[in-house]
All heavy atoms as atom14 arrays in JSON, in Angstrom:
{
  "sequence": "MSARTYSGLFPVAPTPFHEDGTLDLEGQRRVLDCMIDQQVDGICILAN",
  "atom14_mask": [
    [1, 1, 1, 1, 1, 1, 1, 1, 0, 0, 0, 0, 0, 0],
    [1, 1, 1, 1, 1, 1, 0, 0, 0, 0, 0, 0, 0, 0],
    [1, 1, 1, 1, 1, 0, 0, 0, 0, 0, 0, 0, 0, 0],
    [1, 1, 1, 1, 1, 1, 1, 1, 1, 1, 1, 0, 0, 0],
    [1, 1, 1, 1, 1, 1, 1, 0, 0, 0, 0, 0, 0, 0],
    [1, 1, 1, 1, 1, 1, 1, 1, 1, 1, 1, 1, 0, 0],
    [1, 1, 1, 1, 1, 1, 0, 0, 0, 0, 0, 0, 0, 0],
    [1, 1, 1, 1, 0, 0, 0, 0, 0, 0, 0, 0, 0, 0],
    [1, 1, 1, 1, 1, 1, 1, 1, 0, 0, 0, 0, 0, 0],
    [1, 1, 1, 1, 1, 1, 1, 1, 1, 1, 1, 0, 0, 0],
    [1, 1, 1, 1, 1, 1, 1, 0, 0, 0, 0, 0, 0, 0],
    [1, 1, 1, 1, 1, 1, 1, 0, 0, 0, 0, 0, 0, 0],
    [1, 1, 1, 1, 1, 0, 0, 0, 0, 0, 0, 0, 0, 0],
    [1, 1, 1, 1, 1, 1, 1, 0, 0, 0, 0, 0, 0, 0],
    [1, 1, 1, 1, 1, 1, 1, 0, 0, 0, 0, 0, 0, 0],
    [1, 1, 1, 1, 1, 1, 1, 0, 0, 0, 0, 0, 0, 0],
    [1, 1, 1, 1, 1, 1, 1, 1, 1, 1, 1, 0, 0, 0],
    [1, 1, 1, 1, 1, 1, 1, 1, 1, 1, 0, 0, 0, 0],
    [1, 1, 1, 1, 1, 1, 1, 1, 1, 0, 0, 0, 0, 0],
    [1, 1, 1, 1, 1, 1, 1, 1, 0, 0, 0, 0, 0, 0],
    [1, 1, 1, 1, 0, 0, 0, 0, 0, 0, 0, 0, 0, 0],
    [1, 1, 1, 1, 1, 1, 1, 0, 0, 0, 0, 0, 0, 0],
    [1, 1, 1, 1, 1, 1, 1, 1, 0, 0, 0, 0, 0, 0],
    [1, 1, 1, 1, 1, 1, 1, 1, 0, 0, 0, 0, 0, 0],
    [1, 1, 1, 1, 1, 1, 1, 1, 0, 0, 0, 0, 0, 0],
    [1, 1, 1, 1, 1, 1, 1, 1, 1, 0, 0, 0, 0, 0],
    [1, 1, 1, 1, 0, 0, 0, 0, 0, 0, 0, 0, 0, 0],
    [1, 1, 1, 1, 1, 1, 1, 1, 1, 0, 0, 0, 0, 0],
    [1, 1, 1, 1, 1, 1, 1, 1, 1, 1, 1, 0, 0, 0],
    [1, 1, 1, 1, 1, 1, 1, 1, 1, 1, 1, 0, 0, 0],
    [1, 1, 1, 1, 1, 1, 1, 0, 0, 0, 0, 0, 0, 0],
    [1, 1, 1, 1, 1, 1, 1, 1, 0, 0, 0, 0, 0, 0],
    [1, 1, 1, 1, 1, 1, 1, 1, 0, 0, 0, 0, 0, 0],
    [1, 1, 1, 1, 1, 1, 0, 0, 0, 0, 0, 0, 0, 0],
    [1, 1, 1, 1, 1, 1, 1, 1, 0, 0, 0, 0, 0, 0],
    [1, 1, 1, 1, 1, 1, 1, 1, 0, 0, 0, 0, 0, 0],
    [1, 1, 1, 1, 1, 1, 1, 1, 0, 0, 0, 0, 0, 0],
    [1, 1, 1, 1, 1, 1, 1, 1, 1, 0, 0, 0, 0, 0],
    [1, 1, 1, 1, 1, 1, 1, 1, 1, 0, 0, 0, 0, 0],
    [1, 1, 1, 1, 1, 1, 1, 0, 0, 0, 0, 0, 0, 0],
    [1, 1, 1, 1, 1, 1, 1, 1, 0, 0, 0, 0, 0, 0],
    [1, 1, 1, 1, 0, 0, 0, 0, 0, 0, 0, 0, 0, 0],
    [1, 1, 1, 1, 1, 1, 1, 1, 0, 0, 0, 0, 0, 0],
    [1, 1, 1, 1, 1, 1, 0, 0, 0, 0, 0, 0, 0, 0],
    [1, 1, 1, 1, 1, 1, 1, 1, 0, 0, 0, 0, 0, 0],
    [1, 1, 1, 1, 1, 1, 1, 1, 0, 0, 0, 0, 0, 0],
    [1, 1, 1, 1, 1, 0, 0, 0, 0, 0, 0, 0, 0, 0],
    [1, 1, 1, 1, 1, 1, 1, 1, 0, 0, 0, 0, 0, 0]
  ],
  "atom14_positions": [
    [[83.92, 67.61, -10.01], [83.04, 67.19, -8.87], [81.56, 67.37, -9.34], [81.23, 68.27, -10.06], [83.26, 68.09, -7.69], [84.68, 67.93, -7.06], [84.84, 66.43, -6.16], [83.86, 66.83, -4.72], [0.0, 0.0, 0.0], [0.0, 0.0, 0.0], [0.0, 0.0, 0.0], [0.0, 0.0, 0.0], [0.0, 0.0, 0.0], [0.0, 0.0, 0.0]],
    [[80.68, 66.56, -8.85], [79.28, 66.65, -9.1], [78.74, 67.75, -8.22], [79.38, 68.34, -7.36], [78.55, 65.29, -8.85], [78.65, 64.9, -7.54], [0.0, 0.0, 0.0], [0.0, 0.0, 0.0], [0.0, 0.0, 0.0], [0.0, 0.0, 0.0], [0.0, 0.0, 0.0], [0.0, 0.0, 0.0], [0.0, 0.0, 0.0], [0.0, 0.0, 0.0]],
    [[77.41, 68.08, -8.41], [76.85, 69.25, -7.71], [76.95, 69.03, -6.19], [77.19, 70.03, -5.45], [75.45, 69.39, -8.16], [0.0, 0.0, 0.0], [0.0, 0.0, 0.0], [0.0, 0.0, 0.0], [0.0, 0.0, 0.0], [0.0, 0.0, 0.0], [0.0, 0.0, 0.0], [0.0, 0.0, 0.0], [0.0, 0.0, 0.0], [0.0, 0.0, 0.0]],
    [[76.79, 67.83, -5.64], [76.85, 67.6, -4.26], [77.22, 66.18, -4.04], [76.88, 65.31, -4.77], [75.46, 67.94, -3.67], [75.32, 67.66, -2.16], [73.95, 68.07, -1.59], [73.86, 67.6, -0.28], [72.71, 67.71, 0.47], [71.71, 68.23, -0.11], [72.7, 67.24, 1.68], [0.0, 0.0, 0.0], [0.0, 0.0, 0.0], [0.0, 0.0, 0.0]],
    [[77.87, 65.96, -2.91], [78.21, 64.62, -2.52], [77.31, 64.19, -1.39], [77.12, 65.0, -0.42], [79.74, 64.57, -2.0], [80.56, 64.94, -3.11], [80.08, 63.23, -1.55], [0.0, 0.0, 0.0], [0.0, 0.0, 0.0], [0.0, 0.0, 0.0], [0.0, 0.0, 0.0], [0.0, 0.0, 0.0], [0.0, 0.0, 0.0], [0.0, 0.0, 0.0]],
    [[76.87, 62.98, -1.42], [75.94, 62.48, -0.35], [76.61, 61.36, 0.42], [77.38, 60.52, -0.19], [74.66, 61.96, -1.05], [73.97, 63.05, -1.75], [74.16, 63.39, -3.05], [72.93, 63.84, -1.09], [73.53, 64.44, -3.68], [72.27, 64.84, -1.75], [72.56, 65.14, -3.03], [71.91, 66.21, -3.63], [0.0, 0.0, 0.0], [0.0, 0.0, 0.0]],
    [[76.3, 61.32, 1.73], [76.82, 60.24, 2.55], [75.85, 59.98, 3.7], [74.84, 60.64, 3.83], [78.25, 60.71, 3.06], [78.06, 61.96, 3.86], [0.0, 0.0, 0.0], [0.0, 0.0, 0.0], [0.0, 0.0, 0.0], [0.0, 0.0, 0.0], [0.0, 0.0, 0.0], [0.0, 0.0, 0.0], [0.0, 0.0, 0.0], [0.0, 0.0, 0.0]],
    [[76.37, 59.03, 4.5], [75.53, 58.73, 5.74], [74.56, 57.63, 5.55], [74.72, 56.73, 4.76], [0.0, 0.0, 0.0], [0.0, 0.0, 0.0], [0.0, 0.0, 0.0], [0.0, 0.0, 0.0], [0.0, 0.0, 0.0], [0.0, 0.0, 0.0], [0.0, 0.0, 0.0], [0.0, 0.0, 0.0], [0.0, 0.0, 0.0], [0.0, 0.0, 0.0]],
    [[73.46, 57.65, 6.35], [72.4, 56.61, 6.37], [71.34, 56.92, 5.38], [70.62, 57.91, 5.52], [71.9, 56.44, 7.73], [72.85, 56.12, 8.85], [72.15, 56.09, 10.24], [73.64, 54.84, 8.59], [0.0, 0.0, 0.0], [0.0, 0.0, 0.0], [0.0, 0.0, 0.0], [0.0, 0.0, 0.0], [0.0, 0.0, 0.0], [0.0, 0.0, 0.0]],
    [[71.22, 56.17, 4.36], [70.19, 56.3, 3.33], [69.3, 55.08, 3.19], [69.36, 54.4, 2.18], [70.84, 56.61, 1.94], [70.99, 58.06, 1.61], [71.94, 58.78, 2.23], [70.2, 58.67, 0.6], [72.13, 60.21, 1.91], [70.27, 60.02, 0.27], [71.28, 60.71, 0.97], [0.0, 0.0, 0.0], [0.0, 0.0, 0.0], [0.0, 0.0, 0.0]],
    [[68.51, 54.83, 4.22], [67.75, 53.53, 4.16], [66.66, 53.53, 3.06], [66.25, 54.59, 2.56], [67.09, 53.5, 5.52], [67.06, 54.94, 5.98], [68.27, 55.53, 5.4], [0.0, 0.0, 0.0], [0.0, 0.0, 0.0], [0.0, 0.0, 0.0], [0.0, 0.0, 0.0], [0.0, 0.0, 0.0], [0.0, 0.0, 0.0], [0.0, 0.0, 0.0]],
    [[66.24, 52.38, 2.7], [65.22, 52.17, 1.7], [63.84, 52.15, 2.35], [63.64, 51.42, 3.37], [65.41, 50.86, 0.96], [64.28, 50.54, 0.08], [66.73, 50.91, 0.2], [0.0, 0.0, 0.0], [0.0, 0.0, 0.0], [0.0, 0.0, 0.0], [0.0, 0.0, 0.0], [0.0, 0.0, 0.0], [0.0, 0.0, 0.0], [0.0, 0.0, 0.0]],
    [[62.93, 53.01, 1.83], [61.57, 53.06, 2.33], [60.72, 51.89, 1.8], [60.71, 51.61, 0.63], [60.82, 54.34, 1.9], [0.0, 0.0, 0.0], [0.0, 0.0, 0.0], [0.0, 0.0, 0.0], [0.0, 0.0, 0.0], [0.0, 0.0, 0.0], [0.0, 0.0, 0.0], [0.0, 0.0, 0.0], [0.0, 0.0, 0.0], [0.0, 0.0, 0.0]],
    [[60.04, 51.15, 2.68], [59.09, 50.14, 2.14], [57.87, 50.78, 1.6], [57.56, 51.99, 1.82], [58.76, 49.34, 3.47], [58.83, 50.37, 4.54], [60.06, 51.22, 4.17], [0.0, 0.0, 0.0], [0.0, 0.0, 0.0], [0.0, 0.0, 0.0], [0.0, 0.0, 0.0], [0.0, 0.0, 0.0], [0.0, 0.0, 0.0], [0.0, 0.0, 0.0]],
    [[57.21, 50.05, 0.74], [55.97, 50.52, 0.11], [54.78, 49.73, 0.82], [54.64, 48.55, 0.66], [55.87, 50.19, -1.39], [57.01, 50.82, -1.99], [54.59, 50.74, -1.96], [0.0, 0.0, 0.0], [0.0, 0.0, 0.0], [0.0, 0.0, 0.0], [0.0, 0.0, 0.0], [0.0, 0.0, 0.0], [0.0, 0.0, 0.0], [0.0, 0.0, 0.0]],
    [[54.0, 50.43, 1.69], [52.99, 49.69, 2.39], [51.73, 49.49, 1.54], [51.36, 50.39, 0.64], [52.61, 50.66, 3.52], [53.02, 51.98, 3.06], [54.15, 51.82, 2.12], [0.0, 0.0, 0.0], [0.0, 0.0, 0.0], [0.0, 0.0, 0.0], [0.0, 0.0, 0.0], [0.0, 0.0, 0.0], [0.0, 0.0, 0.0], [0.0, 0.0, 0.0]],
    [[51.13, 48.34, 1.69], [49.91, 47.99, 0.98], [48.78, 47.65, 1.99], [49.11, 47.2, 3.1], [50.06, 46.78, 0.07], [51.13, 46.87, -0.91], [52.37, 46.17, -0.77], [51.04, 47.78, -1.98], [53.37, 46.3, -1.74], [52.1, 47.94, -2.97], [53.19, 47.25, -2.87], [0.0, 0.0, 0.0], [0.0, 0.0, 0.0], [0.0, 0.0, 0.0]],
    [[47.53, 47.87, 1.56], [46.44, 47.4, 2.4], [46.36, 45.88, 2.26], [47.1, 45.28, 1.35], [45.1, 47.98, 1.91], [45.07, 49.5, 2.11], [45.02, 50.1, 3.34], [44.98, 50.52, 1.19], [44.99, 51.35, 3.2], [44.99, 51.69, 1.91], [0.0, 0.0, 0.0], [0.0, 0.0, 0.0], [0.0, 0.0, 0.0], [0.0, 0.0, 0.0]],
    [[45.55, 45.24, 3.04], [45.45, 43.74, 2.98], [45.03, 43.23, 1.62], [45.33, 42.15, 1.21], [44.51, 43.27, 4.02], [45.0, 43.33, 5.46], [46.23, 42.56, 5.71], [46.37, 41.39, 5.14], [47.09, 42.89, 6.52], [0.0, 0.0, 0.0], [0.0, 0.0, 0.0], [0.0, 0.0, 0.0], [0.0, 0.0, 0.0], [0.0, 0.0, 0.0]],
    [[44.25, 44.08, 0.9], [43.85, 43.65, -0.51], [44.84, 43.94, -1.58], [44.64, 43.76, -2.77], [42.55, 44.35, -0.86], [42.63, 45.84, -0.94], [43.71, 46.41, -0.72], [41.64, 46.53, -1.21], [0.0, 0.0, 0.0], [0.0, 0.0, 0.0], [0.0, 0.0, 0.0], [0.0, 0.0, 0.0], [0.0, 0.0, 0.0], [0.0, 0.0, 0.0]],
    [[46.11, 44.47, -1.16], [47.11, 44.71, -2.14], [47.17, 46.07, -2.71], [48.1, 46.33, -3.51], [0.0, 0.0, 0.0], [0.0, 0.0, 0.0], [0.0, 0.0, 0.0], [0.0, 0.0, 0.0], [0.0, 0.0, 0.0], [0.0, 0.0, 0.0], [0.0, 0.0, 0.0], [0.0, 0.0, 0.0], [0.0, 0.0, 0.0], [0.0, 0.0, 0.0]],
    [[46.2, 46.86, -2.44], [46.2, 48.27, -2.94], [47.16, 49.17, -2.15], [47.53, 48.81, -1.0], [44.82, 48.87, -2.89], [44.31, 48.86, -1.52], [43.84, 48.14, -3.8], [0.0, 0.0, 0.0], [0.0, 0.0, 0.0], [0.0, 0.0, 0.0], [0.0, 0.0, 0.0], [0.0, 0.0, 0.0], [0.0, 0.0, 0.0], [0.0, 0.0, 0.0]],
    [[47.69, 50.21, -2.82], [48.57, 51.08, -2.12], [47.98, 51.7, -0.89], [46.83, 52.19, -0.88], [49.07, 52.19, -3.09], [49.9, 51.83, -4.29], [50.12, 53.11, -5.13], [51.2, 51.22, -3.85], [0.0, 0.0, 0.0], [0.0, 0.0, 0.0], [0.0, 0.0, 0.0], [0.0, 0.0, 0.0], [0.0, 0.0, 0.0], [0.0, 0.0, 0.0]],
    [[48.74, 51.82, 0.15], [48.34, 52.44, 1.38], [49.11, 53.83, 1.43], [50.18, 53.9, 1.91], [48.71, 51.65, 2.61], [48.35, 52.36, 3.93], [47.74, 53.47, 3.87], [48.66, 51.82, 5.04], [0.0, 0.0, 0.0], [0.0, 0.0, 0.0], [0.0, 0.0, 0.0], [0.0, 0.0, 0.0], [0.0, 0.0, 0.0], [0.0, 0.0, 0.0]],
    [[48.5, 54.87, 0.79], [49.13, 56.07, 0.63], [49.36, 56.81, 1.9], [50.41, 57.48, 2.2], [48.39, 56.97, -0.39], [48.32, 56.37, -1.76], [47.48, 57.23, -2.68], [49.69, 56.0, -2.36], [0.0, 0.0, 0.0], [0.0, 0.0, 0.0], [0.0, 0.0, 0.0], [0.0, 0.0, 0.0], [0.0, 0.0, 0.0], [0.0, 0.0, 0.0]],
    [[48.37, 56.73, 2.86], [48.53, 57.41, 4.12], [49.61, 56.7, 4.89], [50.46, 57.3, 5.6], [47.28, 57.43, 4.93], [47.31, 58.06, 6.26], [47.79, 59.43, 6.24], [47.51, 60.22, 5.26], [48.54, 59.92, 7.2], [0.0, 0.0, 0.0], [0.0, 0.0, 0.0], [0.0, 0.0, 0.0], [0.0, 0.0, 0.0], [0.0, 0.0, 0.0]],
    [[49.7, 55.35, 4.77], [50.75, 54.63, 5.47], [52.1, 54.99, 4.86], [53.14, 55.02, 5.64], [0.0, 0.0, 0.0], [0.0, 0.0, 0.0], [0.0, 0.0, 0.0], [0.0, 0.0, 0.0], [0.0, 0.0, 0.0], [0.0, 0.0, 0.0], [0.0, 0.0, 0.0], [0.0, 0.0, 0.0], [0.0, 0.0, 0.0], [0.0, 0.0, 0.0]],
    [[52.17, 55.27, 3.55], [53.45, 55.62, 2.94], [53.95, 56.93, 3.58], [55.11, 57.14, 3.86], [53.26, 55.86, 1.39], [54.62, 56.12, 0.69], [55.52, 54.89, 0.67], [55.24, 53.99, -0.12], [56.54, 54.92, 1.5], [0.0, 0.0, 0.0], [0.0, 0.0, 0.0], [0.0, 0.0, 0.0], [0.0, 0.0, 0.0], [0.0, 0.0, 0.0]],
    [[53.01, 57.9, 3.76], [53.36, 59.13, 4.43], [53.93, 58.95, 5.82], [54.87, 59.49, 6.3], [52.18, 60.11, 4.49], [51.67, 60.57, 3.08], [50.57, 61.54, 3.23], [49.95, 61.97, 1.93], [50.47, 62.83, 1.1], [51.54, 63.55, 1.53], [49.84, 63.13, -0.02], [0.0, 0.0, 0.0], [0.0, 0.0, 0.0], [0.0, 0.0, 0.0]],
    [[53.29, 58.04, 6.57], [53.74, 57.74, 7.94], [55.09, 56.96, 7.96], [55.97, 57.36, 8.85], [52.71, 56.9, 8.63], [51.42, 57.69, 8.92], [50.31, 56.72, 9.49], [50.79, 56.1, 10.79], [50.68, 56.59, 11.94], [50.31, 57.91, 12.11], [51.09, 55.95, 13.04], [0.0, 0.0, 0.0], [0.0, 0.0, 0.0], [0.0, 0.0, 0.0]],
    [[55.35, 56.18, 6.97], [56.62, 55.49, 6.8], [57.76, 56.6, 6.72], [58.75, 56.53, 7.34], [56.71, 54.57, 5.6], [58.07, 54.24, 5.26], [55.91, 53.3, 5.91], [0.0, 0.0, 0.0], [0.0, 0.0, 0.0], [0.0, 0.0, 0.0], [0.0, 0.0, 0.0], [0.0, 0.0, 0.0], [0.0, 0.0, 0.0], [0.0, 0.0, 0.0]],
    [[57.5, 57.6, 5.81], [58.57, 58.56, 5.54], [58.79, 59.44, 6.79], [59.9, 59.76, 7.1], [58.06, 59.44, 4.38], [58.01, 58.74, 3.06], [57.19, 59.5, 2.05], [59.29, 58.27, 2.54], [0.0, 0.0, 0.0], [0.0, 0.0, 0.0], [0.0, 0.0, 0.0], [0.0, 0.0, 0.0], [0.0, 0.0, 0.0], [0.0, 0.0, 0.0]],
    [[57.67, 59.81, 7.47], [57.84, 60.66, 8.67], [58.61, 59.85, 9.73], [59.46, 60.44, 10.52], [56.51, 61.05, 9.26], [55.83, 62.14, 8.4], [56.53, 62.82, 7.55], [54.57, 62.36, 8.58], [0.0, 0.0, 0.0], [0.0, 0.0, 0.0], [0.0, 0.0, 0.0], [0.0, 0.0, 0.0], [0.0, 0.0, 0.0], [0.0, 0.0, 0.0]],
    [[58.29, 58.52, 9.88], [59.03, 57.74, 10.81], [60.52, 57.68, 10.5], [61.36, 57.8, 11.35], [58.45, 56.28, 10.86], [59.34, 55.14, 11.89], [0.0, 0.0, 0.0], [0.0, 0.0, 0.0], [0.0, 0.0, 0.0], [0.0, 0.0, 0.0], [0.0, 0.0, 0.0], [0.0, 0.0, 0.0], [0.0, 0.0, 0.0], [0.0, 0.0, 0.0]],
    [[60.84, 57.53, 9.25], [62.19, 57.43, 8.81], [62.99, 58.72, 9.09], [64.2, 58.69, 9.52], [62.27, 57.05, 7.33], [61.79, 55.66, 7.01], [61.83, 55.27, 5.24], [63.58, 55.12, 4.98], [0.0, 0.0, 0.0], [0.0, 0.0, 0.0], [0.0, 0.0, 0.0], [0.0, 0.0, 0.0], [0.0, 0.0, 0.0], [0.0, 0.0, 0.0]],
    [[62.34, 59.83, 8.91], [63.0, 61.13, 9.26], [63.24, 61.16, 10.72], [64.35, 61.61, 11.18], [62.22, 62.26, 8.71], [62.2, 62.33, 7.18], [62.69, 63.62, 9.3], [61.26, 63.26, 6.58], [0.0, 0.0, 0.0], [0.0, 0.0, 0.0], [0.0, 0.0, 0.0], [0.0, 0.0, 0.0], [0.0, 0.0, 0.0], [0.0, 0.0, 0.0]],
    [[62.32, 60.67, 11.53], [62.54, 60.63, 13.02], [63.58, 59.61, 13.39], [64.15, 59.72, 14.48], [61.21, 60.33, 13.7], [60.27, 61.42, 13.69], [60.64, 62.57, 13.36], [59.05, 61.21, 13.99], [0.0, 0.0, 0.0], [0.0, 0.0, 0.0], [0.0, 0.0, 0.0], [0.0, 0.0, 0.0], [0.0, 0.0, 0.0], [0.0, 0.0, 0.0]],
    [[63.96, 58.78, 12.45], [65.04, 57.78, 12.72], [66.42, 58.38, 12.56], [67.43, 57.7, 12.6], [64.92, 56.54, 11.85], [63.74, 55.64, 12.12], [63.47, 54.63, 11.0], [63.7, 54.87, 9.88], [63.08, 53.39, 11.43], [0.0, 0.0, 0.0], [0.0, 0.0, 0.0], [0.0, 0.0, 0.0], [0.0, 0.0, 0.0], [0.0, 0.0, 0.0]],
    [[66.5, 59.7, 12.31], [67.75, 60.41, 12.13], [68.52, 60.03, 10.85], [69.68, 59.99, 10.89], [68.66, 60.25, 13.34], [68.01, 60.57, 14.67], [68.95, 60.2, 15.77], [70.04, 60.73, 15.97], [68.51, 59.3, 16.71], [0.0, 0.0, 0.0], [0.0, 0.0, 0.0], [0.0, 0.0, 0.0], [0.0, 0.0, 0.0], [0.0, 0.0, 0.0]],
    [[67.82, 59.75, 9.78], [68.41, 59.36, 8.59], [68.99, 60.58, 7.89], [68.62, 61.74, 8.09], [67.46, 58.67, 7.55], [66.84, 57.4, 8.24], [66.34, 59.59, 7.15], [0.0, 0.0, 0.0], [0.0, 0.0, 0.0], [0.0, 0.0, 0.0], [0.0, 0.0, 0.0], [0.0, 0.0, 0.0], [0.0, 0.0, 0.0], [0.0, 0.0, 0.0]],
    [[70.02, 60.33, 7.0], [70.62, 61.39, 6.2], [69.9, 61.53, 4.89], [70.1, 62.61, 4.19], [72.11, 61.14, 5.99], [72.89, 61.15, 7.31], [72.87, 62.23, 7.98], [73.39, 60.1, 7.69], [0.0, 0.0, 0.0], [0.0, 0.0, 0.0], [0.0, 0.0, 0.0], [0.0, 0.0, 0.0], [0.0, 0.0, 0.0], [0.0, 0.0, 0.0]],
    [[69.18, 60.58, 4.47], [68.47, 60.56, 3.21], [67.54, 59.42, 3.13], [67.65, 58.45, 4.02], [0.0, 0.0, 0.0], [0.0, 0.0, 0.0], [0.0, 0.0, 0.0], [0.0, 0.0, 0.0], [0.0, 0.0, 0.0], [0.0, 0.0, 0.0], [0.0, 0.0, 0.0], [0.0, 0.0, 0.0], [0.0, 0.0, 0.0], [0.0, 0.0, 0.0]],
    [[66.71, 59.29, 2.15], [65.69, 58.18, 1.97], [65.78, 57.75, 0.54], [65.77, 58.59, -0.38], [64.3, 58.58, 2.38], [64.17, 58.92, 3.88], [63.29, 57.51, 2.03], [62.9, 59.52, 4.27], [0.0, 0.0, 0.0], [0.0, 0.0, 0.0], [0.0, 0.0, 0.0], [0.0, 0.0, 0.0], [0.0, 0.0, 0.0], [0.0, 0.0, 0.0]],
    [[65.78, 56.45, 0.28], [65.7, 55.9, -0.99], [64.33, 55.28, -1.2], [63.84, 54.5, -0.34], [66.8, 54.82, -1.27], [66.67, 54.03, -2.86], [0.0, 0.0, 0.0], [0.0, 0.0, 0.0], [0.0, 0.0, 0.0], [0.0, 0.0, 0.0], [0.0, 0.0, 0.0], [0.0, 0.0, 0.0], [0.0, 0.0, 0.0], [0.0, 0.0, 0.0]],
    [[63.65, 55.64, -2.23], [62.31, 55.06, -2.49], [62.32, 54.23, -3.87], [63.25, 54.34, -4.72], [61.2, 56.15, -2.67], [61.45, 57.08, -3.94], [61.09, 56.96, -1.38], [60.33, 58.02, -4.18], [0.0, 0.0, 0.0], [0.0, 0.0, 0.0], [0.0, 0.0, 0.0], [0.0, 0.0, 0.0], [0.0, 0.0, 0.0], [0.0, 0.0, 0.0]],
    [[61.37, 53.38, -3.98], [61.17, 52.55, -5.14], [62.36, 51.63, -5.48], [62.64, 51.35, -6.64], [60.74, 53.41, -6.33], [59.36, 54.08, -6.23], [59.19, 55.09, -7.24], [58.26, 52.99, -6.29], [0.0, 0.0, 0.0], [0.0, 0.0, 0.0], [0.0, 0.0, 0.0], [0.0, 0.0, 0.0], [0.0, 0.0, 0.0], [0.0, 0.0, 0.0]],
    [[63.04, 51.26, -4.42], [64.15, 50.21, -4.58], [63.64, 48.84, -4.58], [62.4, 48.63, -4.46], [65.17, 50.51, -3.54], [0.0, 0.0, 0.0], [0.0, 0.0, 0.0], [0.0, 0.0, 0.0], [0.0, 0.0, 0.0], [0.0, 0.0, 0.0], [0.0, 0.0, 0.0], [0.0, 0.0, 0.0], [0.0, 0.0, 0.0], [0.0, 0.0, 0.0]],
    [[64.48, 47.85, -4.79], [64.08, 46.46, -4.72], [63.34, 46.11, -3.35], [62.37, 45.49, -3.32], [65.19, 45.54, -4.91], [65.72, 45.59, -6.35], [64.98, 45.9, -7.33], [67.05, 45.38, -6.51], [0.0, 0.0, 0.0], [0.0, 0.0, 0.0], [0.0, 0.0, 0.0], [0.0, 0.0, 0.0], [0.0, 0.0, 0.0], [0.0, 0.0, 0.0]]
  ]
}
């Protein structure tokens, strides 16, 4: 067995950008907080 088994809802976090295409880092933090409030079991980042 591996160290831990994972299951449940593991949605993919979007990467927010400003209108000029630069990273919106504060928006990224808000995305993650929103997802935790969505009752997720885990979060996947940097996916397709």
